[in-house]
């Protein structure tokens, strides 16, 4: 079984930066694609940035997604934080496991990490 967990959220001032991590645990798995989403208070979840499994770094505006293979983690740095960046940030990981020669795809979400940006 593969699990993912987000970390790195907190309270920051506008204009600052923050690095969130999405760390996967389990065995015999490979990433296919990782996406970051956020859910602002009272709003629907929205896509923020993503990276394919073969990627190392991907930049989408103020959001830089990078892979740390040594830790099975995909990090996201957010620069020039704004109050409207406030919300719960989730990672969604798609990939597959190789179980005794059988390829089993997975599509899993973490529990989220809260980011609050004060003005």
C-alpha atoms as a PDB file:
ATOM      1  CA  UNK A   1       0.000   0.000   0.000  1.00  0.00           C
ATOM      2  CA  UNK A   2       1.232   3.498  -0.842  1.00  0.00           C
ATOM      3  CA  UNK A   3       0.460   6.515   1.310  1.00  0.00           C
ATOM      4  CA  UNK A   4       1.273  10.180   0.887  1.00  0.00           C
ATOM      5  CA  UNK A   5       1.442  12.919   3.470  1.00  0.00           C
ATOM      6  CA  UNK A   6       1.804  16.654   3.087  1.00  0.00           C
ATOM      7  CA  UNK A   7       3.827  18.806   5.445  1.00  0.00           C
ATOM      8  CA  UNK A   8       5.301  22.266   5.684  1.00  0.00           C
ATOM      9  CA  UNK A   9       2.174  24.357   6.068  1.00  0.00           C
ATOM     10  CA  UNK A  10       1.827  27.132   8.590  1.00  0.00           C
ATOM     11  CA  UNK A  11       1.187  30.803   9.164  1.00  0.00           C
ATOM     12  CA  UNK A  12       3.276  33.172   7.067  1.00  0.00           C
ATOM     13  CA  UNK A  13       3.200  36.843   6.232  1.00  0.00           C
ATOM     14  CA  UNK A  14       2.311  38.104   2.802  1.00  0.00           C
ATOM     15  CA  UNK A  15       5.350  38.418   0.593  1.00  0.00           C
ATOM     16  CA  UNK A  16       7.111  35.503   2.209  1.00  0.00           C
ATOM     17  CA  UNK A  17       7.745  32.042   0.842  1.00  0.00           C
ATOM     18  CA  UNK A  18       6.926  28.543   1.945  1.00  0.00           C
ATOM     19  CA  UNK A  19       7.952  25.030   0.972  1.00  0.00           C
ATOM     20  CA  UNK A  20       5.445  22.217   1.151  1.00  0.00           C
ATOM     21  CA  UNK A  21       6.402  18.574   0.894  1.00  0.00           C
ATOM     22  CA  UNK A  22       4.473  15.563  -0.327  1.00  0.00           C
ATOM     23  CA  UNK A  23       6.171  12.409   0.887  1.00  0.00           C
ATOM     24  CA  UNK A  24       5.220   8.951  -0.274  1.00  0.00           C
ATOM     25  CA  UNK A  25       5.739   5.779   1.703  1.00  0.00           C
ATOM     26  CA  UNK A  26       5.318   2.153   0.763  1.00  0.00           C
ATOM     27  CA  UNK A  27       7.226  -0.324  -1.327  1.00  0.00           C
ATOM     28  CA  UNK A  28       7.741  -1.210  -4.969  1.00  0.00           C
ATOM     29  CA  UNK A  29       6.099   1.892  -6.372  1.00  0.00           C
ATOM     30  CA  UNK A  30       6.843   4.492  -9.022  1.00  0.00           C
ATOM     31  CA  UNK A  31       5.416   7.951  -9.562  1.00  0.00           C
ATOM     32  CA  UNK A  32       3.618   8.764 -12.788  1.00  0.00           C
ATOM     33  CA  UNK A  33       2.343  12.249 -12.041  1.00  0.00           C
ATOM     34  CA  UNK A  34       2.067  14.485  -9.005  1.00  0.00           C
ATOM     35  CA  UNK A  35      -0.287  17.429  -8.707  1.00  0.00           C
ATOM     36  CA  UNK A  36      -0.776  20.005  -6.014  1.00  0.00           C
ATOM     37  CA  UNK A  37      -4.254  21.342  -5.278  1.00  0.00           C
ATOM     38  CA  UNK A  38      -5.579  23.772  -2.723  1.00  0.00           C
ATOM     39  CA  UNK A  39      -8.934  24.475  -1.191  1.00  0.00           C
ATOM     40  CA  UNK A  40      -9.479  28.059  -0.022  1.00  0.00           C
ATOM     41  CA  UNK A  41     -11.958  28.584   2.816  1.00  0.00           C
ATOM     42  CA  UNK A  42     -15.501  28.169   1.554  1.00  0.00           C
ATOM     43  CA  UNK A  43     -14.397  27.346  -1.986  1.00  0.00           C
ATOM     44  CA  UNK A  44     -13.867  24.277  -4.096  1.00  0.00           C
ATOM     45  CA  UNK A  45     -10.575  22.523  -4.471  1.00  0.00           C
ATOM     46  CA  UNK A  46      -8.482  23.880  -7.347  1.00  0.00           C
ATOM     47  CA  UNK A  47      -5.401  22.767  -9.193  1.00  0.00           C
ATOM     48  CA  UNK A  48      -2.218  24.699  -8.422  1.00  0.00           C
ATOM     49  CA  UNK A  49       0.742  23.020 -10.113  1.00  0.00           C
ATOM     50  CA  UNK A  50       1.957  19.625 -11.210  1.00  0.00           C
ATOM     51  CA  UNK A  51       4.815  17.585 -12.551  1.00  0.00           C
ATOM     52  CA  UNK A  52       5.059  14.415 -14.616  1.00  0.00           C
ATOM     53  CA  UNK A  53       6.861  11.406 -13.231  1.00  0.00           C
ATOM     54  CA  UNK A  54       9.865  11.972 -15.452  1.00  0.00           C
ATOM     55  CA  UNK A  55      10.262  15.571 -14.398  1.00  0.00           C
ATOM     56  CA  UNK A  56      12.671  17.107 -11.942  1.00  0.00           C
ATOM     57  CA  UNK A  57      11.420  20.682 -11.671  1.00  0.00           C
ATOM     58  CA  UNK A  58       8.313  22.388 -12.966  1.00  0.00           C
ATOM     59  CA  UNK A  59       7.428  26.070 -12.612  1.00  0.00           C
ATOM     60  CA  UNK A  60       3.913  27.477 -12.764  1.00  0.00           C
ATOM     61  CA  UNK A  61       3.971  31.160 -11.945  1.00  0.00           C
ATOM     62  CA  UNK A  62       4.893  31.531  -8.272  1.00  0.00           C
ATOM     63  CA  UNK A  63       4.797  27.789  -7.706  1.00  0.00           C
ATOM     64  CA  UNK A  64       7.886  25.631  -8.232  1.00  0.00           C
ATOM     65  CA  UNK A  65       7.470  21.888  -7.989  1.00  0.00           C
ATOM     66  CA  UNK A  66      10.566  19.751  -7.581  1.00  0.00           C
ATOM     67  CA  UNK A  67      11.312  16.112  -6.921  1.00  0.00           C
ATOM     68  CA  UNK A  68      13.525  14.764  -4.155  1.00  0.00           C
ATOM     69  CA  UNK A  69      14.147  11.170  -5.164  1.00  0.00           C
ATOM     70  CA  UNK A  70      16.188  10.436  -2.055  1.00  0.00           C
ATOM     71  CA  UNK A  71      13.118  11.046   0.097  1.00  0.00           C
ATOM     72  CA  UNK A  72      10.377   9.907  -2.305  1.00  0.00           C
ATOM     73  CA  UNK A  73       9.054  13.441  -2.032  1.00  0.00           C
ATOM     74  CA  UNK A  74       7.689  16.089  -4.323  1.00  0.00           C
ATOM     75  CA  UNK A  75       8.093  19.580  -2.937  1.00  0.00           C
ATOM     76  CA  UNK A  76       6.365  22.800  -3.871  1.00  0.00           C
ATOM     77  CA  UNK A  77       7.815  26.210  -3.122  1.00  0.00           C
ATOM     78  CA  UNK A  78       5.431  29.135  -3.129  1.00  0.00           C
ATOM     79  CA  UNK A  79       6.977  32.571  -3.556  1.00  0.00           C
ATOM     80  CA  UNK A  80       5.531  36.024  -2.903  1.00  0.00           C
ATOM     81  CA  UNK A  81       2.699  34.627  -0.844  1.00  0.00           C
ATOM     82  CA  UNK A  82      -0.611  36.456  -0.900  1.00  0.00           C
ATOM     83  CA  UNK A  83      -3.562  36.268   1.496  1.00  0.00           C
ATOM     84  CA  UNK A  84      -5.558  34.603  -1.285  1.00  0.00           C
ATOM     85  CA  UNK A  85      -3.086  31.704  -1.173  1.00  0.00           C
ATOM     86  CA  UNK A  86      -4.649  30.734   2.152  1.00  0.00           C
ATOM     87  CA  UNK A  87      -6.168  27.279   2.153  1.00  0.00           C
ATOM     88  CA  UNK A  88      -5.563  23.600   2.656  1.00  0.00           C
ATOM     89  CA  UNK A  89      -2.993  22.242   0.226  1.00  0.00           C
ATOM     90  CA  UNK A  90      -3.220  18.672  -1.012  1.00  0.00           C
ATOM     91  CA  UNK A  91      -1.021  16.517  -3.166  1.00  0.00           C
ATOM     92  CA  UNK A  92      -2.412  13.929  -5.549  1.00  0.00           C
ATOM     93  CA  UNK A  93      -0.037  11.207  -6.632  1.00  0.00           C
ATOM     94  CA  UNK A  94      -0.631   8.802  -9.483  1.00  0.00           C
ATOM     95  CA  UNK A  95       1.664   5.932 -10.186  1.00  0.00           C
ATOM     96  CA  UNK A  96       1.892   2.188 -10.016  1.00  0.00           C
ATOM     97  CA  UNK A  97       3.152  -0.640  -7.900  1.00  0.00           C
ATOM     98  CA  UNK A  98       4.906  -3.765  -9.125  1.00  0.00           C
ATOM     99  CA  UNK A  99       3.606  -6.639  -7.028  1.00  0.00           C
ATOM    100  CA  UNK A 100       5.386  -9.826  -8.044  1.00  0.00           C
ATOM    101  CA  UNK A 101       5.297  -8.809 -11.698  1.00  0.00           C
ATOM    102  CA  UNK A 102       1.744  -7.422 -11.646  1.00  0.00           C
ATOM    103  CA  UNK A 103       1.446  -3.692 -12.311  1.00  0.00           C
ATOM    104  CA  UNK A 104      -1.183  -2.091 -10.079  1.00  0.00           C
ATOM    105  CA  UNK A 105      -1.963   1.597 -10.669  1.00  0.00           C
ATOM    106  CA  UNK A 106      -2.804   3.923  -7.817  1.00  0.00           C
ATOM    107  CA  UNK A 107      -4.269   7.416  -7.488  1.00  0.00           C
ATOM    108  CA  UNK A 108      -4.089   8.727  -3.959  1.00  0.00           C
ATOM    109  CA  UNK A 109      -4.502  11.951  -1.992  1.00  0.00           C
ATOM    110  CA  UNK A 110      -2.882  13.165   1.172  1.00  0.00           C
ATOM    111  CA  UNK A 111      -4.754  14.615   4.135  1.00  0.00           C
ATOM    112  CA  UNK A 112      -3.669  18.157   3.361  1.00  0.00           C
ATOM    113  CA  UNK A 113      -1.641  20.829   5.114  1.00  0.00           C
ATOM    114  CA  UNK A 114      -2.983  24.230   6.127  1.00  0.00           C
ATOM    115  CA  UNK A 115      -1.389  27.382   4.755  1.00  0.00           C
ATOM    116  CA  UNK A 116      -2.475  30.721   6.189  1.00  0.00           C
ATOM    117  CA  UNK A 117      -1.105  33.951   4.793  1.00  0.00           C
ATOM    118  CA  UNK A 118      -1.580  37.093   6.851  1.00  0.00           C
ATOM    119  CA  UNK A 119      -1.674  40.523   5.282  1.00  0.00           C
END
